[in-house]
Protein backbone atom coordinates (compact mmCIF):
# COMPACT_ATOMS: atom_id res chain seq x y z
CA MET A 1 68.68 108.20 117.23
CA GLU A 2 68.25 108.92 120.94
CA TYR A 3 71.80 107.69 121.51
CA LEU A 4 73.17 110.15 118.93
CA LEU A 5 71.22 113.05 120.45
CA GLU A 6 72.56 112.24 123.92
CA LEU A 7 76.07 112.05 122.48
CA ALA A 8 75.67 115.42 120.73
CA ALA A 9 74.55 117.02 123.97
CA SER A 10 77.49 115.69 125.96
CA PRO A 11 80.42 118.14 126.48
CA THR A 12 82.68 115.17 127.22
CA ALA A 13 81.87 113.69 123.80
CA TRP A 14 82.78 116.98 122.07
CA VAL A 15 86.10 117.14 123.92
CA ALA A 16 86.82 113.53 122.98
CA LEU A 17 85.93 114.28 119.35
CA ALA A 18 88.21 117.33 119.16
CA THR A 19 91.08 115.44 120.77
CA LEU A 20 90.65 112.41 118.54
CA VAL A 21 90.38 114.50 115.35
CA ALA A 22 93.64 116.25 116.22
CA MET A 23 95.28 112.91 117.02
CA GLU A 24 94.08 111.29 113.78
CA ILE A 25 95.34 114.25 111.72
CA VAL A 26 98.77 114.03 113.36
CA LEU A 27 98.91 110.26 112.79
CA GLY A 28 97.92 110.87 109.15
CA ILE A 29 101.04 112.99 108.57
CA ASP A 30 103.20 109.86 108.41
CA ASN A 31 100.90 108.31 105.82
CA LEU A 32 100.76 111.56 103.82
CA ILE A 33 104.55 112.01 103.66
CA PHE A 34 104.97 108.48 102.32
CA ILE A 35 102.22 108.95 99.72
CA SER A 36 103.70 112.29 98.60
CA ILE A 37 107.21 110.91 98.11
CA LEU A 38 105.99 107.80 96.33
CA THR A 39 103.57 109.51 93.94
CA ASN A 40 106.14 112.18 93.00
CA LYS A 41 108.07 109.43 91.23
CA LEU A 42 105.17 108.84 88.84
CA PRO A 43 104.62 110.76 85.58
CA GLU A 44 103.04 114.12 86.44
CA GLN A 45 99.65 113.36 84.92
CA PHE A 46 99.23 110.33 87.21
CA ARG A 47 100.40 111.82 90.52
CA SER A 48 97.22 113.48 91.73
CA LYS A 49 95.14 110.45 90.73
CA ALA A 50 97.44 108.10 92.63
CA ARG A 51 97.30 110.33 95.72
CA ARG A 52 93.50 110.41 95.66
CA ILE A 53 93.31 106.64 95.23
CA GLY A 54 95.81 106.04 98.02
CA ILE A 55 94.05 108.32 100.51
CA SER A 56 90.61 106.99 99.50
CA MET A 57 91.86 103.46 100.17
CA ALA A 58 93.02 104.63 103.60
CA LEU A 59 89.51 105.95 104.32
CA VAL A 60 87.79 102.76 103.15
CA MET A 61 90.22 100.63 105.13
CA ARG A 62 89.79 102.63 108.35
CA LEU A 63 86.00 102.68 108.12
CA GLY A 64 86.09 98.94 107.41
CA LEU A 65 88.27 98.34 110.45
CA LEU A 66 85.92 100.44 112.59
CA SER A 67 83.13 98.01 111.70
CA THR A 68 85.21 95.24 113.29
CA VAL A 69 86.23 97.03 116.48
CA ALA A 70 85.88 93.86 118.57
CA TRP A 71 88.33 92.07 116.26
CA ILE A 72 90.71 95.06 116.26
CA VAL A 73 90.88 95.01 120.04
CA GLN A 74 91.87 91.34 119.90
CA LEU A 75 94.90 92.26 117.77
CA THR A 76 96.58 93.51 120.93
CA GLU A 77 96.35 90.09 122.61
CA PRO A 78 99.63 88.07 122.62
CA VAL A 79 99.66 85.26 120.04
CA VAL A 80 103.30 84.13 119.95
CA ASP A 81 106.18 84.05 122.40
CA VAL A 82 109.76 84.50 121.16
CA PHE A 83 112.61 84.20 123.68
CA GLY A 84 110.30 85.14 126.51
CA HIS A 85 108.78 88.15 124.72
CA ALA A 86 105.11 87.96 123.74
CA PHE A 87 104.05 89.44 120.39
CA SER A 88 100.52 90.33 119.32
CA TRP A 89 99.27 90.66 115.76
CA LYS A 90 99.48 94.43 116.18
CA ASP A 91 103.15 94.13 117.20
CA MET A 92 103.99 91.98 114.19
CA ILE A 93 102.14 94.28 111.80
CA LEU A 94 103.97 97.33 113.20
CA ILE A 95 107.35 95.57 112.91
CA ALA A 96 106.62 94.50 109.32
CA GLY A 97 105.45 98.02 108.43
CA GLY A 98 108.52 99.56 110.06
CA LEU A 99 110.85 97.25 108.16
CA PHE A 100 109.03 98.10 104.92
CA LEU A 101 109.43 101.82 105.61
CA LEU A 102 113.14 101.39 106.38
CA TRP A 103 113.65 99.44 103.17
CA LYS A 104 111.69 101.91 101.06
CA ALA A 105 113.30 105.04 102.50
CA THR A 106 116.80 103.56 102.30
CA SER A 107 116.20 102.49 98.69
CA GLU A 108 115.00 105.99 97.79
CA ILE A 109 118.02 107.61 99.45
CA HIS A 110 120.35 105.24 97.60
CA HIS A 111 118.58 106.04 94.34
CA SER A 112 118.94 109.78 95.01
CA VAL A 113 122.67 109.70 95.74
CA ASP A 114 123.68 107.01 93.22
CA PRO A 115 125.67 108.81 90.48
CA ARG A 116 125.22 106.04 87.93
CA ALA A 117 122.73 106.82 85.18
CA LYS A 118 119.70 104.60 84.97
CA GLU A 119 118.67 103.06 81.67
CA GLU A 120 115.54 104.63 80.28
CA THR A 121 112.58 102.36 79.84
CA LYS A 122 109.66 102.75 77.51
CA ALA A 123 107.16 105.35 78.67
CA SER A 124 104.17 103.03 78.44
CA SER A 125 105.66 100.29 80.63
CA THR A 126 106.94 102.86 83.12
CA VAL A 127 103.48 104.33 83.56
CA THR A 128 101.72 100.96 83.91
CA LEU A 129 104.19 99.26 86.23
CA GLY A 130 105.04 102.42 88.14
CA PHE A 131 101.41 103.29 88.84
CA ALA A 132 100.51 99.75 89.91
CA ALA A 133 103.61 99.48 92.09
CA ALA A 134 102.92 102.84 93.73
CA ILE A 135 99.31 101.90 94.55
CA GLY A 136 100.45 98.53 95.91
CA GLN A 137 103.06 100.10 98.20
CA ILE A 138 100.60 102.77 99.38
CA LEU A 139 98.12 99.98 100.19
CA VAL A 140 100.71 98.14 102.31
CA LEU A 141 101.43 101.24 104.41
CA ASP A 142 97.72 102.15 104.54
CA ILE A 143 97.13 98.83 106.32
CA VAL A 144 99.82 99.53 108.92
CA PHE A 145 98.85 103.16 109.58
CA SER A 146 95.12 102.33 109.55
CA ILE A 147 95.46 99.64 112.22
CA ASP A 148 97.60 101.96 114.36
CA SER A 149 95.06 104.76 113.86
CA ILE A 150 92.03 102.66 114.76
CA ILE A 151 93.66 101.11 117.83
CA THR A 152 94.50 104.65 118.97
CA ALA A 153 90.88 105.69 118.43
CA VAL A 154 89.54 102.68 120.34
CA GLY A 155 91.85 103.53 123.23
CA MET A 156 90.60 107.12 123.42
CA THR A 157 86.83 106.68 123.20
CA GLU A 158 84.23 103.92 123.25
CA HIS A 159 81.75 105.80 121.02
CA LEU A 160 81.79 104.55 117.42
CA PRO A 161 80.21 107.72 115.89
CA ILE A 162 83.05 109.81 117.37
CA MET A 163 85.62 107.44 115.86
CA ILE A 164 83.94 107.60 112.44
CA ILE A 165 83.75 111.42 112.44
CA ALA A 166 87.38 111.72 113.55
CA VAL A 167 88.62 109.31 110.86
CA ILE A 168 86.63 111.01 108.09
CA SER A 169 87.82 114.46 109.23
CA ALA A 170 91.46 113.36 109.22
CA VAL A 171 91.17 111.83 105.74
CA ILE A 172 89.52 115.00 104.39
CA VAL A 173 92.46 117.02 105.72
CA MET A 174 94.82 114.53 104.04
CA LEU A 175 92.98 114.94 100.73
CA VAL A 176 93.19 118.73 100.92
CA ALA A 177 96.84 118.78 101.95
CA ALA A 178 98.10 116.00 99.65
CA ASP A 179 98.69 117.99 96.44
CA PRO A 180 100.23 121.11 98.08
CA LEU A 181 102.54 118.96 100.23
CA ALA A 182 103.59 116.84 97.25
CA ARG A 183 104.29 119.96 95.15
CA PHE A 184 106.34 121.49 97.97
CA ILE A 185 108.41 118.32 98.31
CA ASN A 186 108.85 118.07 94.54
CA ASP A 187 109.86 121.75 94.14
CA ASN A 188 112.48 121.54 96.91
CA PRO A 189 114.85 118.58 96.37
CA THR A 190 116.47 118.97 99.79
CA VAL A 191 113.06 118.47 101.38
CA VAL A 192 112.87 115.03 99.75
CA MET A 193 115.91 113.87 101.71
CA LEU A 194 114.47 115.37 104.89
CA ALA A 195 111.16 113.56 104.32
CA LEU A 196 112.99 110.28 103.67
CA GLY A 197 114.81 110.82 106.96
CA PHE A 198 111.39 111.24 108.59
CA LEU A 199 110.28 107.92 107.10
CA ILE A 200 113.35 106.18 108.54
CA MET A 201 112.59 107.67 111.95
CA ILE A 202 108.93 106.63 111.68
CA GLY A 203 109.99 103.13 110.60
CA MET A 204 112.30 102.78 113.59
CA THR A 205 109.50 104.03 115.86
CA LEU A 206 107.08 101.42 114.48
CA ILE A 207 109.65 98.66 115.04
CA ALA A 208 110.32 99.87 118.59
CA GLU A 209 106.58 99.93 119.30
CA GLY A 210 106.29 96.41 117.91
CA PHE A 211 108.95 95.22 120.35
CA GLY A 212 107.12 96.83 123.26
CA ALA A 213 109.30 99.94 123.65
CA HIS A 214 106.85 102.83 123.86
CA VAL A 215 108.13 105.91 122.05
CA PRO A 216 106.14 109.08 122.91
CA LYS A 217 104.82 110.41 119.60
CA GLY A 218 105.21 113.96 120.86
CA TYR A 219 109.00 113.63 120.78
CA VAL A 220 108.93 112.24 117.24
CA TYR A 221 106.66 114.98 115.87
CA ALA A 222 108.55 117.69 117.76
CA ALA A 223 111.77 116.53 116.07
CA MET A 224 110.01 116.52 112.69
CA ALA A 225 108.61 120.02 113.26
CA PHE A 226 112.00 121.37 114.35
CA SER A 227 113.77 119.85 111.32
CA THR A 228 111.08 121.20 109.01
CA ALA A 229 111.41 124.69 110.48
CA ILE A 230 115.18 124.63 109.92
CA GLU A 231 114.70 123.44 106.35
CA VAL A 232 112.16 126.22 105.67
CA LEU A 233 114.71 128.76 106.91
CA ASN A 234 117.31 127.20 104.59
CA ILE A 235 114.92 127.46 101.65
CA MET A 236 114.14 131.11 102.45
CA SER A 237 117.86 131.89 102.76
CA ARG A 238 118.64 130.15 99.49
CA ARG A 239 115.91 131.99 97.61
CA ALA A 240 117.00 135.34 99.07
CA ARG A 241 120.56 134.65 97.93
CA GLU A 242 119.35 133.73 94.44
CA ARG A 243 117.37 136.98 94.23
CA ARG A 244 120.42 139.01 95.30
CA GLU A 245 122.59 137.26 92.72
CA ALA A 246 119.97 137.89 90.03
CA LEU A 247 119.82 141.58 90.90
CA GLN A 248 123.62 141.87 90.87
CA ALA A 249 123.77 140.15 87.50
CA LYS A 250 121.46 142.74 85.89
CA PRO A 251 123.32 145.32 83.80
CA ASP A 252 123.20 148.90 85.11
């Protein structure tokens, strides 16, 4: 208790908490984009439930990993050497997660642009298999993003309560933003392709990090923010044009 009171009275601890909360929220954007795209492919009545389950699993996983901080730190130690390059468990997990993201995003882009009609399956089997598959894929990426998130937290502060508060705060923001973000992506088809492009970029970044090439996250998120701003302008322009056309079509 005395330790917590000392921590609460420390200005340095508050600065570390604010910085780490902001960092965890930014890192959660990647996870949230993937969850939004994946759950939008489910029947509408299952989407919100799948998003809540996926984000809740991320919270449980991150809090669980925080309870094993000593083991998490060891994930950065080299365990295998390939052609003179040492890889840690963290590196291999990031590479595997990046490859999974590349495969998933590329598959979704191919599905979006493929003109061939897909055979309809029975609604019941689609719901069961689709929901289970979505949760499974969300779980895979939750593992990757959770490990990256916790290692980042460990590198920024040594105080476990600060890490826990930051992780919980970031997940709460994800829960609040999940449905509005998913609806925005679903209502604007061009945004889907943009988000899939983001996933490819994130996947390549994870692979690069796994091979030891540090990619400043600021550059990645700046590119995402710039692309999003351009797409928002496109959406506003398109809607303004549709309103003008609707007004012109009205009889005098």
